[in-house]
């Protein structure tokens, strides 16, 4: 137990520790959330607990694109109006939310659930790359947009994907450099993302 957590009750201390494990939640934020939940009424805490449990129980990967879905096929893959000749490859499901919010892209997606990082032991077989290559055998695709993050891992992933896709004769593009190096897609603003989509260049 951390020093801060040891100064409160055991149950509050455990809650602070668990909250502190969440991305973007530091020790102080974890403490504030824990004490807020302590003051909240039981109905609100029960609703939160049920939401946390249900999000794990009800969600799974879309059998086509590996996006998060409560059904076998996600709503994007099931949407007939989508442009089925384009696939945008992203690292995480939340990247789709960011791109969809721009209203500048109407194609399909594929989620890798990570990025290549040999130093951390994350290799091609650890990502949903083979599933993506299987899709290309069954779908008529004219363009693949690489929308991995503009950091070292994202660039390595984009280079690897280009290497395995280019022999197939499919056009491969990369988001324009409006995105600063080192940034993550989900944090980019709508204008920057829109320009990056519109100005994408052949890889």
N, C-alpha and C. Protein backbone atom coordinates (compact mmCIF):
# COMPACT_ATOMS: atom_id res chain seq x y z
N UNK A 1 0.84 -1.19 0.00
CA UNK A 1 0.00 0.00 0.00
C UNK A 1 0.87 1.24 0.00
N UNK A 2 0.50 2.26 -0.79
CA UNK A 2 1.28 3.49 -0.86
C UNK A 2 1.19 4.26 0.43
N UNK A 3 2.09 5.25 0.61
CA UNK A 3 2.13 6.06 1.83
C UNK A 3 0.82 6.79 2.03
N UNK A 4 0.27 7.39 0.92
CA UNK A 4 -0.99 8.13 1.03
C UNK A 4 -2.13 7.20 1.39
N UNK A 5 -2.17 6.04 0.73
CA UNK A 5 -3.25 5.10 0.97
C UNK A 5 -3.22 4.54 2.39
N UNK A 6 -2.01 4.44 2.97
CA UNK A 6 -1.88 3.87 4.31
C UNK A 6 -2.39 4.82 5.39
N UNK A 7 -2.64 6.09 5.02
CA UNK A 7 -3.11 7.06 6.00
C UNK A 7 -4.62 7.11 6.13
N UNK A 8 -5.32 6.28 5.36
CA UNK A 8 -6.77 6.23 5.42
C UNK A 8 -7.20 4.81 5.78
N UNK A 9 -8.50 4.52 5.68
CA UNK A 9 -8.97 3.18 6.00
C UNK A 9 -8.50 2.20 4.93
N UNK A 10 -8.53 0.92 5.27
CA UNK A 10 -8.05 -0.10 4.34
C UNK A 10 -8.87 -0.10 3.05
N UNK A 11 -10.20 -0.01 3.16
CA UNK A 11 -11.05 -0.07 1.97
C UNK A 11 -10.85 1.14 1.06
N UNK A 12 -10.73 2.34 1.66
CA UNK A 12 -10.49 3.54 0.86
C UNK A 12 -9.09 3.46 0.24
N UNK A 13 -8.13 2.96 0.99
CA UNK A 13 -6.78 2.81 0.49
C UNK A 13 -6.72 1.89 -0.71
N UNK A 14 -7.47 0.78 -0.68
CA UNK A 14 -7.50 -0.14 -1.81
C UNK A 14 -8.13 0.51 -3.03
N UNK A 15 -9.20 1.30 -2.81
CA UNK A 15 -9.85 1.99 -3.92
C UNK A 15 -8.90 2.99 -4.56
N UNK A 16 -8.17 3.74 -3.74
CA UNK A 16 -7.20 4.71 -4.26
C UNK A 16 -6.14 4.01 -5.10
N UNK A 17 -5.67 2.88 -4.62
CA UNK A 17 -4.64 2.13 -5.35
C UNK A 17 -5.16 1.65 -6.71
N UNK A 18 -6.39 1.16 -6.74
CA UNK A 18 -6.96 0.68 -8.01
C UNK A 18 -7.21 1.82 -8.98
N UNK A 19 -7.71 2.94 -8.48
CA UNK A 19 -7.94 4.10 -9.34
C UNK A 19 -6.63 4.64 -9.90
N UNK A 20 -5.58 4.59 -9.09
CA UNK A 20 -4.27 5.09 -9.49
C UNK A 20 -3.67 4.27 -10.63
N UNK A 21 -4.17 3.05 -10.84
CA UNK A 21 -3.68 2.20 -11.92
C UNK A 21 -4.29 2.57 -13.27
N UNK A 22 -5.37 3.38 -13.25
CA UNK A 22 -6.03 3.78 -14.49
C UNK A 22 -5.18 4.80 -15.24
N UNK A 23 -5.18 4.77 -16.58
CA UNK A 23 -4.38 5.74 -17.36
C UNK A 23 -4.86 7.16 -17.13
N UNK A 24 -3.91 8.06 -16.89
CA UNK A 24 -4.24 9.46 -16.71
C UNK A 24 -4.69 9.82 -15.30
N UNK A 25 -4.75 8.84 -14.40
CA UNK A 25 -5.17 9.09 -13.02
C UNK A 25 -3.96 8.99 -12.10
N UNK A 26 -3.50 10.15 -11.62
CA UNK A 26 -2.38 10.18 -10.70
C UNK A 26 -2.85 9.98 -9.26
N UNK A 27 -1.92 9.96 -8.31
CA UNK A 27 -2.28 9.72 -6.90
C UNK A 27 -3.30 10.72 -6.36
N UNK A 28 -3.12 12.01 -6.66
CA UNK A 28 -4.03 13.03 -6.15
C UNK A 28 -5.42 12.87 -6.74
N UNK A 29 -5.49 12.62 -8.06
CA UNK A 29 -6.79 12.42 -8.72
C UNK A 29 -7.47 11.18 -8.16
N UNK A 30 -6.69 10.12 -7.92
CA UNK A 30 -7.25 8.89 -7.35
C UNK A 30 -7.85 9.15 -5.98
N UNK A 31 -7.18 9.96 -5.19
CA UNK A 31 -7.70 10.31 -3.87
C UNK A 31 -9.00 11.09 -3.98
N UNK A 32 -9.03 12.07 -4.89
CA UNK A 32 -10.23 12.89 -5.04
C UNK A 32 -11.42 12.05 -5.48
N UNK A 33 -11.19 11.14 -6.44
CA UNK A 33 -12.28 10.29 -6.92
C UNK A 33 -12.76 9.35 -5.81
N UNK A 34 -11.81 8.78 -5.08
CA UNK A 34 -12.16 7.85 -4.00
C UNK A 34 -13.03 8.54 -2.94
N UNK A 35 -12.65 9.74 -2.54
CA UNK A 35 -13.43 10.44 -1.51
C UNK A 35 -14.74 10.97 -2.06
N UNK A 36 -14.79 11.25 -3.37
CA UNK A 36 -16.06 11.63 -3.99
C UNK A 36 -17.03 10.45 -3.94
N UNK A 37 -16.53 9.26 -4.28
CA UNK A 37 -17.37 8.06 -4.25
C UNK A 37 -17.80 7.72 -2.83
N UNK A 38 -16.95 8.03 -1.87
CA UNK A 38 -17.29 7.78 -0.46
C UNK A 38 -18.47 8.66 -0.03
N UNK A 39 -18.52 9.89 -0.59
CA UNK A 39 -19.61 10.82 -0.23
C UNK A 39 -20.87 10.59 -1.07
N UNK A 40 -20.71 9.98 -2.24
CA UNK A 40 -21.85 9.78 -3.15
C UNK A 40 -22.86 8.81 -2.55
N UNK A 41 -24.12 8.94 -3.00
CA UNK A 41 -25.14 8.03 -2.46
C UNK A 41 -24.94 6.63 -3.02
N UNK A 42 -25.53 5.65 -2.34
CA UNK A 42 -25.31 4.24 -2.67
C UNK A 42 -25.80 3.91 -4.07
N UNK A 43 -26.89 4.56 -4.51
CA UNK A 43 -27.44 4.27 -5.83
C UNK A 43 -26.45 4.66 -6.93
N UNK A 44 -25.77 5.81 -6.76
CA UNK A 44 -24.80 6.25 -7.76
C UNK A 44 -23.62 5.30 -7.81
N UNK A 45 -23.14 4.88 -6.65
CA UNK A 45 -22.00 3.95 -6.61
C UNK A 45 -22.38 2.59 -7.18
N UNK A 46 -23.61 2.16 -6.93
CA UNK A 46 -24.07 0.88 -7.46
C UNK A 46 -24.15 0.93 -8.99
N UNK A 47 -24.63 2.07 -9.52
CA UNK A 47 -24.72 2.23 -10.97
C UNK A 47 -23.34 2.21 -11.60
N UNK A 48 -22.37 2.84 -10.96
CA UNK A 48 -21.00 2.86 -11.47
C UNK A 48 -20.41 1.45 -11.46
N UNK A 49 -20.61 0.74 -10.35
CA UNK A 49 -20.08 -0.62 -10.23
C UNK A 49 -20.68 -1.54 -11.29
N UNK A 50 -21.98 -1.41 -11.53
CA UNK A 50 -22.65 -2.24 -12.53
C UNK A 50 -22.15 -1.90 -13.94
N UNK A 51 -21.92 -0.60 -14.20
CA UNK A 51 -21.42 -0.20 -15.52
C UNK A 51 -20.04 -0.78 -15.79
N UNK A 52 -19.17 -0.78 -14.76
CA UNK A 52 -17.82 -1.33 -14.90
C UNK A 52 -17.89 -2.83 -15.18
N UNK A 53 -18.75 -3.54 -14.48
CA UNK A 53 -18.88 -4.98 -14.67
C UNK A 53 -19.46 -5.30 -16.04
N UNK A 54 -20.52 -4.56 -16.44
CA UNK A 54 -21.18 -4.83 -17.71
C UNK A 54 -20.30 -4.53 -18.91
N UNK A 55 -19.45 -3.49 -18.81
CA UNK A 55 -18.61 -3.15 -19.95
C UNK A 55 -17.65 -4.29 -20.28
N UNK A 56 -17.29 -5.06 -19.27
CA UNK A 56 -16.41 -6.21 -19.49
C UNK A 56 -17.20 -7.43 -19.95
N UNK A 57 -18.39 -7.60 -19.40
CA UNK A 57 -19.19 -8.78 -19.72
C UNK A 57 -19.85 -8.70 -21.09
N UNK A 58 -20.30 -7.50 -21.50
CA UNK A 58 -21.10 -7.37 -22.71
C UNK A 58 -20.29 -7.10 -23.98
N UNK A 59 -19.09 -6.55 -23.82
CA UNK A 59 -18.32 -6.16 -25.00
C UNK A 59 -17.33 -7.23 -25.43
N UNK A 60 -17.15 -7.32 -26.74
CA UNK A 60 -16.19 -8.25 -27.34
C UNK A 60 -15.65 -7.59 -28.61
N UNK A 61 -14.80 -8.30 -29.30
CA UNK A 61 -14.25 -7.76 -30.55
C UNK A 61 -15.17 -8.09 -31.72
N UNK A 62 -15.37 -7.11 -32.59
CA UNK A 62 -16.09 -7.35 -33.83
C UNK A 62 -15.35 -8.42 -34.62
N UNK A 63 -16.07 -9.37 -35.16
CA UNK A 63 -15.44 -10.49 -35.87
C UNK A 63 -14.78 -10.06 -37.18
N UNK A 64 -15.09 -8.84 -37.63
CA UNK A 64 -14.51 -8.35 -38.89
C UNK A 64 -13.34 -7.41 -38.64
N UNK A 65 -13.58 -6.34 -37.89
CA UNK A 65 -12.57 -5.27 -37.76
C UNK A 65 -11.87 -5.23 -36.41
N UNK A 66 -12.29 -6.05 -35.45
CA UNK A 66 -11.71 -6.09 -34.11
C UNK A 66 -12.02 -4.85 -33.28
N UNK A 67 -12.99 -4.04 -33.72
CA UNK A 67 -13.46 -2.94 -32.89
C UNK A 67 -14.26 -3.51 -31.73
N UNK A 68 -14.47 -2.70 -30.68
CA UNK A 68 -15.28 -3.13 -29.56
C UNK A 68 -16.75 -3.12 -29.97
N UNK A 69 -17.46 -4.19 -29.63
CA UNK A 69 -18.85 -4.30 -30.03
C UNK A 69 -19.61 -5.20 -29.05
N UNK A 70 -20.90 -4.94 -28.91
CA UNK A 70 -21.74 -5.81 -28.10
C UNK A 70 -22.38 -6.90 -28.96
N UNK A 71 -22.18 -6.80 -30.26
CA UNK A 71 -22.71 -7.79 -31.19
C UNK A 71 -21.57 -8.43 -31.98
N UNK A 72 -21.86 -9.49 -32.70
CA UNK A 72 -20.83 -10.21 -33.45
C UNK A 72 -20.15 -9.30 -34.47
N UNK A 73 -20.94 -8.42 -35.11
CA UNK A 73 -20.41 -7.46 -36.08
C UNK A 73 -20.76 -6.06 -35.59
N UNK A 74 -19.79 -5.16 -35.54
CA UNK A 74 -20.01 -3.82 -35.01
C UNK A 74 -20.90 -3.00 -35.96
N UNK A 75 -21.40 -1.88 -35.45
CA UNK A 75 -22.34 -1.06 -36.22
C UNK A 75 -21.69 -0.46 -37.47
N UNK A 76 -20.37 -0.20 -37.43
CA UNK A 76 -19.70 0.37 -38.60
C UNK A 76 -19.58 -0.66 -39.71
N UNK A 77 -19.15 -1.87 -39.37
CA UNK A 77 -19.03 -2.93 -40.38
C UNK A 77 -20.39 -3.32 -40.93
N UNK A 78 -21.43 -3.18 -40.11
CA UNK A 78 -22.78 -3.57 -40.54
C UNK A 78 -23.48 -2.48 -41.33
N UNK A 79 -22.90 -1.28 -41.38
CA UNK A 79 -23.55 -0.14 -42.04
C UNK A 79 -23.38 -0.23 -43.55
N UNK A 80 -24.46 -0.36 -44.28
CA UNK A 80 -24.42 -0.48 -45.73
C UNK A 80 -23.88 0.78 -46.44
N UNK A 81 -24.21 2.00 -45.96
CA UNK A 81 -23.74 3.20 -46.67
C UNK A 81 -22.23 3.44 -46.62
N UNK A 82 -21.51 2.72 -45.76
CA UNK A 82 -20.06 2.95 -45.65
C UNK A 82 -19.36 2.57 -46.95
N UNK A 83 -18.27 3.29 -47.23
CA UNK A 83 -17.43 3.00 -48.40
C UNK A 83 -16.61 1.76 -48.09
N UNK A 84 -16.93 0.65 -48.73
CA UNK A 84 -16.29 -0.63 -48.43
C UNK A 84 -15.03 -0.89 -49.25
N UNK A 85 -14.56 0.14 -49.94
CA UNK A 85 -13.31 0.00 -50.70
C UNK A 85 -12.11 0.55 -49.92
N UNK A 86 -12.38 1.16 -48.76
CA UNK A 86 -11.31 1.76 -47.96
C UNK A 86 -11.30 1.19 -46.55
N UNK A 87 -10.11 0.93 -46.04
CA UNK A 87 -9.95 0.50 -44.65
C UNK A 87 -8.92 1.39 -43.98
N UNK A 88 -9.28 1.96 -42.85
CA UNK A 88 -8.38 2.78 -42.05
C UNK A 88 -7.89 1.95 -40.87
N UNK A 89 -6.58 1.79 -40.76
CA UNK A 89 -6.00 0.99 -39.69
C UNK A 89 -5.62 1.88 -38.52
N UNK A 90 -6.15 1.55 -37.33
CA UNK A 90 -5.85 2.32 -36.12
C UNK A 90 -5.29 1.38 -35.05
N UNK A 91 -4.69 1.99 -34.04
CA UNK A 91 -4.10 1.18 -32.97
C UNK A 91 -5.13 0.71 -31.96
N UNK A 92 -6.04 1.62 -31.56
CA UNK A 92 -6.97 1.32 -30.49
C UNK A 92 -8.40 1.70 -30.87
N UNK A 93 -9.41 1.08 -30.24
CA UNK A 93 -10.81 1.41 -30.55
C UNK A 93 -11.15 2.89 -30.36
N UNK A 94 -10.53 3.54 -29.36
CA UNK A 94 -10.84 4.96 -29.11
C UNK A 94 -10.37 5.86 -30.25
N UNK A 95 -9.44 5.37 -31.08
CA UNK A 95 -9.00 6.14 -32.24
C UNK A 95 -10.12 6.25 -33.27
N UNK A 96 -10.96 5.23 -33.34
CA UNK A 96 -12.11 5.28 -34.25
C UNK A 96 -13.05 6.40 -33.83
N UNK A 97 -13.29 6.54 -32.54
CA UNK A 97 -14.17 7.60 -32.04
C UNK A 97 -13.65 8.97 -32.47
N UNK A 98 -12.33 9.16 -32.37
CA UNK A 98 -11.73 10.44 -32.75
C UNK A 98 -11.92 10.71 -34.24
N UNK A 99 -11.69 9.72 -35.08
CA UNK A 99 -11.82 9.89 -36.52
C UNK A 99 -13.27 10.07 -36.94
N UNK A 100 -14.17 9.33 -36.33
CA UNK A 100 -15.59 9.44 -36.66
C UNK A 100 -16.13 10.82 -36.30
N UNK A 101 -15.57 11.41 -35.26
CA UNK A 101 -16.03 12.73 -34.80
C UNK A 101 -15.75 13.81 -35.82
N UNK A 102 -14.80 13.59 -36.72
CA UNK A 102 -14.47 14.59 -37.74
C UNK A 102 -15.49 14.61 -38.88
N UNK A 103 -16.22 13.51 -39.06
CA UNK A 103 -17.19 13.37 -40.17
C UNK A 103 -16.52 13.52 -41.54
N UNK A 104 -15.24 13.20 -41.63
CA UNK A 104 -14.50 13.31 -42.89
C UNK A 104 -14.16 11.96 -43.51
N UNK A 105 -14.52 10.88 -42.83
CA UNK A 105 -14.17 9.54 -43.33
C UNK A 105 -15.39 8.65 -43.23
N UNK A 106 -15.68 7.93 -44.32
CA UNK A 106 -16.87 7.09 -44.36
C UNK A 106 -16.55 5.66 -44.78
N UNK A 107 -15.28 5.28 -44.61
CA UNK A 107 -14.89 3.91 -44.95
C UNK A 107 -14.97 2.99 -43.75
N UNK A 108 -14.27 1.87 -43.87
CA UNK A 108 -14.23 0.87 -42.80
C UNK A 108 -12.96 1.04 -41.97
N UNK A 109 -12.86 0.26 -40.91
CA UNK A 109 -11.70 0.35 -40.01
C UNK A 109 -11.15 -1.05 -39.73
N UNK A 110 -9.93 -1.05 -39.18
CA UNK A 110 -9.38 -2.27 -38.59
C UNK A 110 -8.55 -1.84 -37.38
N UNK A 111 -8.82 -2.48 -36.24
CA UNK A 111 -8.14 -2.13 -34.99
C UNK A 111 -7.05 -3.15 -34.68
N UNK A 112 -5.83 -2.66 -34.48
CA UNK A 112 -4.70 -3.55 -34.19
C UNK A 112 -4.62 -3.95 -32.73
N UNK A 113 -5.18 -3.12 -31.85
CA UNK A 113 -5.08 -3.30 -30.39
C UNK A 113 -3.62 -3.25 -29.93
N UNK A 114 -2.94 -2.21 -30.39
CA UNK A 114 -1.56 -1.99 -29.96
C UNK A 114 -0.69 -1.55 -31.12
N UNK A 115 0.60 -1.45 -30.85
CA UNK A 115 1.58 -1.06 -31.86
C UNK A 115 2.85 -1.88 -31.64
N UNK A 116 3.60 -2.06 -32.70
CA UNK A 116 4.84 -2.82 -32.60
C UNK A 116 5.82 -2.14 -31.65
N UNK A 117 6.38 -2.93 -30.76
CA UNK A 117 7.37 -2.41 -29.82
C UNK A 117 8.25 -3.57 -29.38
N UNK A 118 9.27 -3.89 -30.21
CA UNK A 118 10.14 -5.03 -29.90
C UNK A 118 10.77 -4.95 -28.50
N UNK A 119 11.07 -3.73 -28.06
CA UNK A 119 11.66 -3.57 -26.74
C UNK A 119 10.74 -4.02 -25.62
N UNK A 120 9.43 -3.91 -25.87
CA UNK A 120 8.43 -4.34 -24.88
C UNK A 120 7.90 -5.74 -25.20
N UNK A 121 8.47 -6.37 -26.20
CA UNK A 121 8.05 -7.71 -26.56
C UNK A 121 6.78 -7.79 -27.39
N UNK A 122 6.34 -6.65 -27.97
CA UNK A 122 5.13 -6.64 -28.79
C UNK A 122 5.54 -6.78 -30.26
N UNK A 123 5.22 -7.93 -30.83
CA UNK A 123 5.62 -8.26 -32.20
C UNK A 123 4.37 -8.42 -33.09
N UNK A 124 4.55 -8.56 -34.39
CA UNK A 124 3.39 -8.62 -35.30
C UNK A 124 2.32 -9.64 -34.89
N UNK A 125 2.74 -10.80 -34.39
CA UNK A 125 1.78 -11.84 -34.01
C UNK A 125 0.95 -11.44 -32.79
N UNK A 126 1.40 -10.43 -32.06
CA UNK A 126 0.67 -9.97 -30.87
C UNK A 126 -0.44 -8.97 -31.24
N UNK A 127 -0.43 -8.50 -32.48
CA UNK A 127 -1.44 -7.54 -32.94
C UNK A 127 -2.42 -8.23 -33.88
N UNK A 128 -3.46 -7.51 -34.27
CA UNK A 128 -4.50 -8.10 -35.14
C UNK A 128 -4.14 -7.90 -36.62
N UNK A 129 -2.88 -8.18 -36.95
CA UNK A 129 -2.39 -7.99 -38.32
C UNK A 129 -2.79 -9.16 -39.21
N UNK A 130 -2.66 -10.38 -38.71
CA UNK A 130 -3.04 -11.55 -39.52
C UNK A 130 -4.53 -11.51 -39.84
N UNK A 131 -5.34 -11.05 -38.88
CA UNK A 131 -6.77 -10.93 -39.12
C UNK A 131 -7.05 -9.91 -40.23
N UNK A 132 -6.24 -8.85 -40.24
CA UNK A 132 -6.40 -7.83 -41.28
C UNK A 132 -6.03 -8.40 -42.65
N UNK A 133 -4.92 -9.12 -42.73
CA UNK A 133 -4.50 -9.71 -44.00
C UNK A 133 -5.53 -10.72 -44.51
N UNK A 134 -6.19 -11.42 -43.60
CA UNK A 134 -7.25 -12.34 -44.00
C UNK A 134 -8.42 -11.58 -44.62
N UNK A 135 -8.70 -10.38 -44.10
CA UNK A 135 -9.78 -9.56 -44.66
C UNK A 135 -9.51 -9.22 -46.12
N UNK A 136 -8.25 -8.93 -46.42
CA UNK A 136 -7.90 -8.51 -47.78
C UNK A 136 -8.14 -9.61 -48.81
N UNK A 137 -8.19 -10.85 -48.35
CA UNK A 137 -8.43 -11.97 -49.26
C UNK A 137 -9.90 -12.03 -49.66
N UNK A 138 -10.76 -11.46 -48.81
CA UNK A 138 -12.20 -11.62 -49.02
C UNK A 138 -12.92 -10.31 -49.35
N UNK A 139 -12.22 -9.19 -49.32
CA UNK A 139 -12.85 -7.90 -49.57
C UNK A 139 -12.13 -7.18 -50.72
N UNK A 140 -12.88 -6.38 -51.47
CA UNK A 140 -12.29 -5.61 -52.57
C UNK A 140 -11.89 -4.24 -52.05
N UNK A 141 -10.62 -4.08 -51.75
CA UNK A 141 -10.10 -2.85 -51.14
C UNK A 141 -9.22 -2.12 -52.13
N UNK A 142 -9.45 -0.81 -52.30
CA UNK A 142 -8.64 0.00 -53.21
C UNK A 142 -7.67 0.92 -52.47
N UNK A 143 -7.93 1.18 -51.19
CA UNK A 143 -7.04 2.05 -50.41
C UNK A 143 -7.01 1.62 -48.96
N UNK A 144 -5.80 1.60 -48.40
CA UNK A 144 -5.62 1.33 -46.97
C UNK A 144 -4.96 2.57 -46.36
N UNK A 145 -5.60 3.13 -45.36
CA UNK A 145 -5.10 4.34 -44.69
C UNK A 145 -4.44 3.93 -43.38
N UNK A 146 -3.17 4.25 -43.23
CA UNK A 146 -2.45 3.93 -42.00
C UNK A 146 -2.61 5.11 -41.03
N UNK A 147 -3.38 4.89 -39.98
CA UNK A 147 -3.65 5.95 -39.00
C UNK A 147 -3.10 5.58 -37.64
N UNK A 148 -1.91 4.97 -37.64
CA UNK A 148 -1.25 4.68 -36.37
C UNK A 148 -0.71 5.99 -35.80
N UNK A 149 -0.42 5.98 -34.51
CA UNK A 149 0.06 7.19 -33.85
C UNK A 149 1.40 7.65 -34.42
N UNK A 150 1.64 8.96 -34.28
CA UNK A 150 2.87 9.53 -34.83
C UNK A 150 4.00 9.53 -33.81
N UNK A 151 4.19 8.38 -33.17
CA UNK A 151 5.34 8.20 -32.28
C UNK A 151 6.19 7.06 -32.84
N UNK A 152 7.26 6.71 -32.15
CA UNK A 152 8.19 5.70 -32.67
C UNK A 152 7.49 4.38 -32.93
N UNK A 153 6.66 3.92 -31.99
CA UNK A 153 5.97 2.65 -32.15
C UNK A 153 4.98 2.70 -33.32
N UNK A 154 4.26 3.83 -33.42
CA UNK A 154 3.30 3.98 -34.50
C UNK A 154 3.96 4.00 -35.87
N UNK A 155 5.11 4.66 -35.95
CA UNK A 155 5.86 4.72 -37.22
C UNK A 155 6.40 3.34 -37.60
N UNK A 156 6.91 2.62 -36.60
CA UNK A 156 7.41 1.26 -36.87
C UNK A 156 6.28 0.37 -37.37
N UNK A 157 5.12 0.52 -36.77
CA UNK A 157 3.96 -0.28 -37.17
C UNK A 157 3.53 0.06 -38.59
N UNK A 158 3.51 1.35 -38.91
CA UNK A 158 3.13 1.80 -40.26
C UNK A 158 4.11 1.25 -41.31
N UNK A 159 5.39 1.29 -41.01
CA UNK A 159 6.39 0.78 -41.94
C UNK A 159 6.23 -0.72 -42.15
N UNK A 160 5.96 -1.43 -41.07
CA UNK A 160 5.77 -2.88 -41.20
C UNK A 160 4.53 -3.20 -42.03
N UNK A 161 3.44 -2.49 -41.77
CA UNK A 161 2.21 -2.72 -42.51
C UNK A 161 2.40 -2.42 -44.00
N UNK A 162 3.10 -1.33 -44.29
CA UNK A 162 3.38 -0.99 -45.69
C UNK A 162 4.18 -2.10 -46.36
N UNK A 163 5.11 -2.66 -45.62
CA UNK A 163 5.97 -3.73 -46.15
C UNK A 163 5.15 -4.96 -46.52
N UNK A 164 4.17 -5.31 -45.69
CA UNK A 164 3.40 -6.54 -45.97
C UNK A 164 2.23 -6.29 -46.93
N UNK A 165 1.78 -5.03 -47.04
CA UNK A 165 0.64 -4.73 -47.91
C UNK A 165 1.07 -4.40 -49.33
N UNK A 166 2.19 -3.70 -49.49
CA UNK A 166 2.60 -3.20 -50.81
C UNK A 166 2.70 -4.29 -51.88
N UNK A 167 3.13 -5.53 -51.57
CA UNK A 167 3.17 -6.55 -52.62
C UNK A 167 1.79 -6.92 -53.16
N UNK A 168 0.73 -6.53 -52.43
CA UNK A 168 -0.63 -6.89 -52.86
C UNK A 168 -1.17 -5.93 -53.90
N UNK A 169 -0.43 -4.84 -54.16
CA UNK A 169 -0.85 -3.88 -55.18
C UNK A 169 -1.97 -2.96 -54.75
N UNK A 170 -2.20 -2.82 -53.45
CA UNK A 170 -3.25 -1.94 -52.95
C UNK A 170 -2.62 -0.60 -52.55
N UNK A 171 -3.28 0.49 -52.90
CA UNK A 171 -2.79 1.82 -52.55
C UNK A 171 -2.74 1.98 -51.03
N UNK A 172 -1.60 2.42 -50.51
CA UNK A 172 -1.42 2.63 -49.07
C UNK A 172 -1.12 4.10 -48.82
N UNK A 173 -1.93 4.75 -47.98
CA UNK A 173 -1.70 6.15 -47.65
C UNK A 173 -1.48 6.30 -46.14
N UNK A 174 -0.92 7.45 -45.77
CA UNK A 174 -0.63 7.76 -44.36
C UNK A 174 -1.25 9.11 -44.07
N UNK A 175 -1.76 9.29 -42.86
CA UNK A 175 -2.31 10.58 -42.49
C UNK A 175 -1.27 11.67 -42.68
N UNK A 176 -1.71 12.85 -43.09
CA UNK A 176 -0.80 13.97 -43.34
C UNK A 176 -0.09 14.38 -42.06
N UNK A 177 1.00 15.09 -42.22
CA UNK A 177 1.84 15.45 -41.08
C UNK A 177 1.31 16.63 -40.26
N UNK A 178 0.01 16.89 -40.35
CA UNK A 178 -0.56 17.90 -39.46
C UNK A 178 -0.51 17.44 -38.02
N UNK A 179 -0.37 16.12 -37.84
CA UNK A 179 -0.27 15.57 -36.50
C UNK A 179 1.18 15.66 -36.02
N UNK A 180 1.42 16.33 -34.89
CA UNK A 180 2.80 16.46 -34.41
C UNK A 180 3.37 15.11 -34.00
N UNK A 181 4.67 14.94 -34.24
CA UNK A 181 5.33 13.67 -33.90
C UNK A 181 5.25 13.45 -32.39
N UNK A 182 4.95 12.23 -32.01
CA UNK A 182 4.86 11.88 -30.60
C UNK A 182 3.45 11.96 -30.05
N UNK A 183 2.50 12.43 -30.88
CA UNK A 183 1.14 12.59 -30.38
C UNK A 183 0.34 11.31 -30.59
N UNK A 184 -0.77 11.21 -29.84
CA UNK A 184 -1.67 10.07 -29.97
C UNK A 184 -2.95 10.54 -30.63
N UNK A 185 -3.47 9.70 -31.50
CA UNK A 185 -4.61 10.06 -32.34
C UNK A 185 -5.82 10.50 -31.52
N UNK A 186 -6.10 9.79 -30.43
CA UNK A 186 -7.32 10.06 -29.66
C UNK A 186 -7.31 11.46 -29.02
N UNK A 187 -6.14 12.08 -28.88
CA UNK A 187 -6.05 13.39 -28.25
C UNK A 187 -6.00 14.54 -29.26
N UNK A 188 -5.94 14.22 -30.54
CA UNK A 188 -5.87 15.27 -31.56
C UNK A 188 -7.23 15.95 -31.71
N UNK A 189 -7.22 17.26 -31.98
CA UNK A 189 -8.48 17.98 -32.14
C UNK A 189 -9.08 17.68 -33.51
N UNK A 190 -10.38 18.02 -33.66
CA UNK A 190 -11.11 17.68 -34.89
C UNK A 190 -10.50 18.33 -36.13
N UNK A 191 -10.07 19.58 -36.01
CA UNK A 191 -9.53 20.30 -37.17
C UNK A 191 -8.24 19.63 -37.65
N UNK A 192 -7.35 19.32 -36.69
CA UNK A 192 -6.08 18.67 -37.05
C UNK A 192 -6.32 17.32 -37.68
N UNK A 193 -7.24 16.55 -37.10
CA UNK A 193 -7.54 15.22 -37.64
C UNK A 193 -8.18 15.32 -39.02
N UNK A 194 -9.08 16.28 -39.21
CA UNK A 194 -9.74 16.46 -40.50
C UNK A 194 -8.72 16.77 -41.58
N UNK A 195 -7.79 17.69 -41.28
CA UNK A 195 -6.76 18.05 -42.25
C UNK A 195 -5.82 16.88 -42.52
N UNK A 196 -5.55 16.09 -41.48
CA UNK A 196 -4.67 14.93 -41.66
C UNK A 196 -5.33 13.90 -42.57
N UNK A 197 -6.65 13.74 -42.44
CA UNK A 197 -7.38 12.81 -43.30
C UNK A 197 -7.45 13.30 -44.74
N UNK A 198 -7.82 14.57 -44.89
CA UNK A 198 -7.98 15.14 -46.22
C UNK A 198 -6.66 15.23 -46.97
N UNK A 199 -5.58 15.48 -46.22
CA UNK A 199 -4.27 15.65 -46.86
C UNK A 199 -3.42 14.41 -46.85
N UNK A 200 -4.02 13.25 -46.61
CA UNK A 200 -3.22 12.01 -46.53
C UNK A 200 -2.47 11.80 -47.85
N UNK A 201 -1.28 11.21 -47.70
CA UNK A 201 -0.40 11.04 -48.86
C UNK A 201 -0.06 9.58 -49.05
N UNK A 202 0.24 9.22 -50.29
CA UNK A 202 0.60 7.84 -50.55
C UNK A 202 1.89 7.50 -49.81
N UNK A 203 1.90 6.33 -49.22
CA UNK A 203 3.03 5.93 -48.35
C UNK A 203 4.27 5.67 -49.21
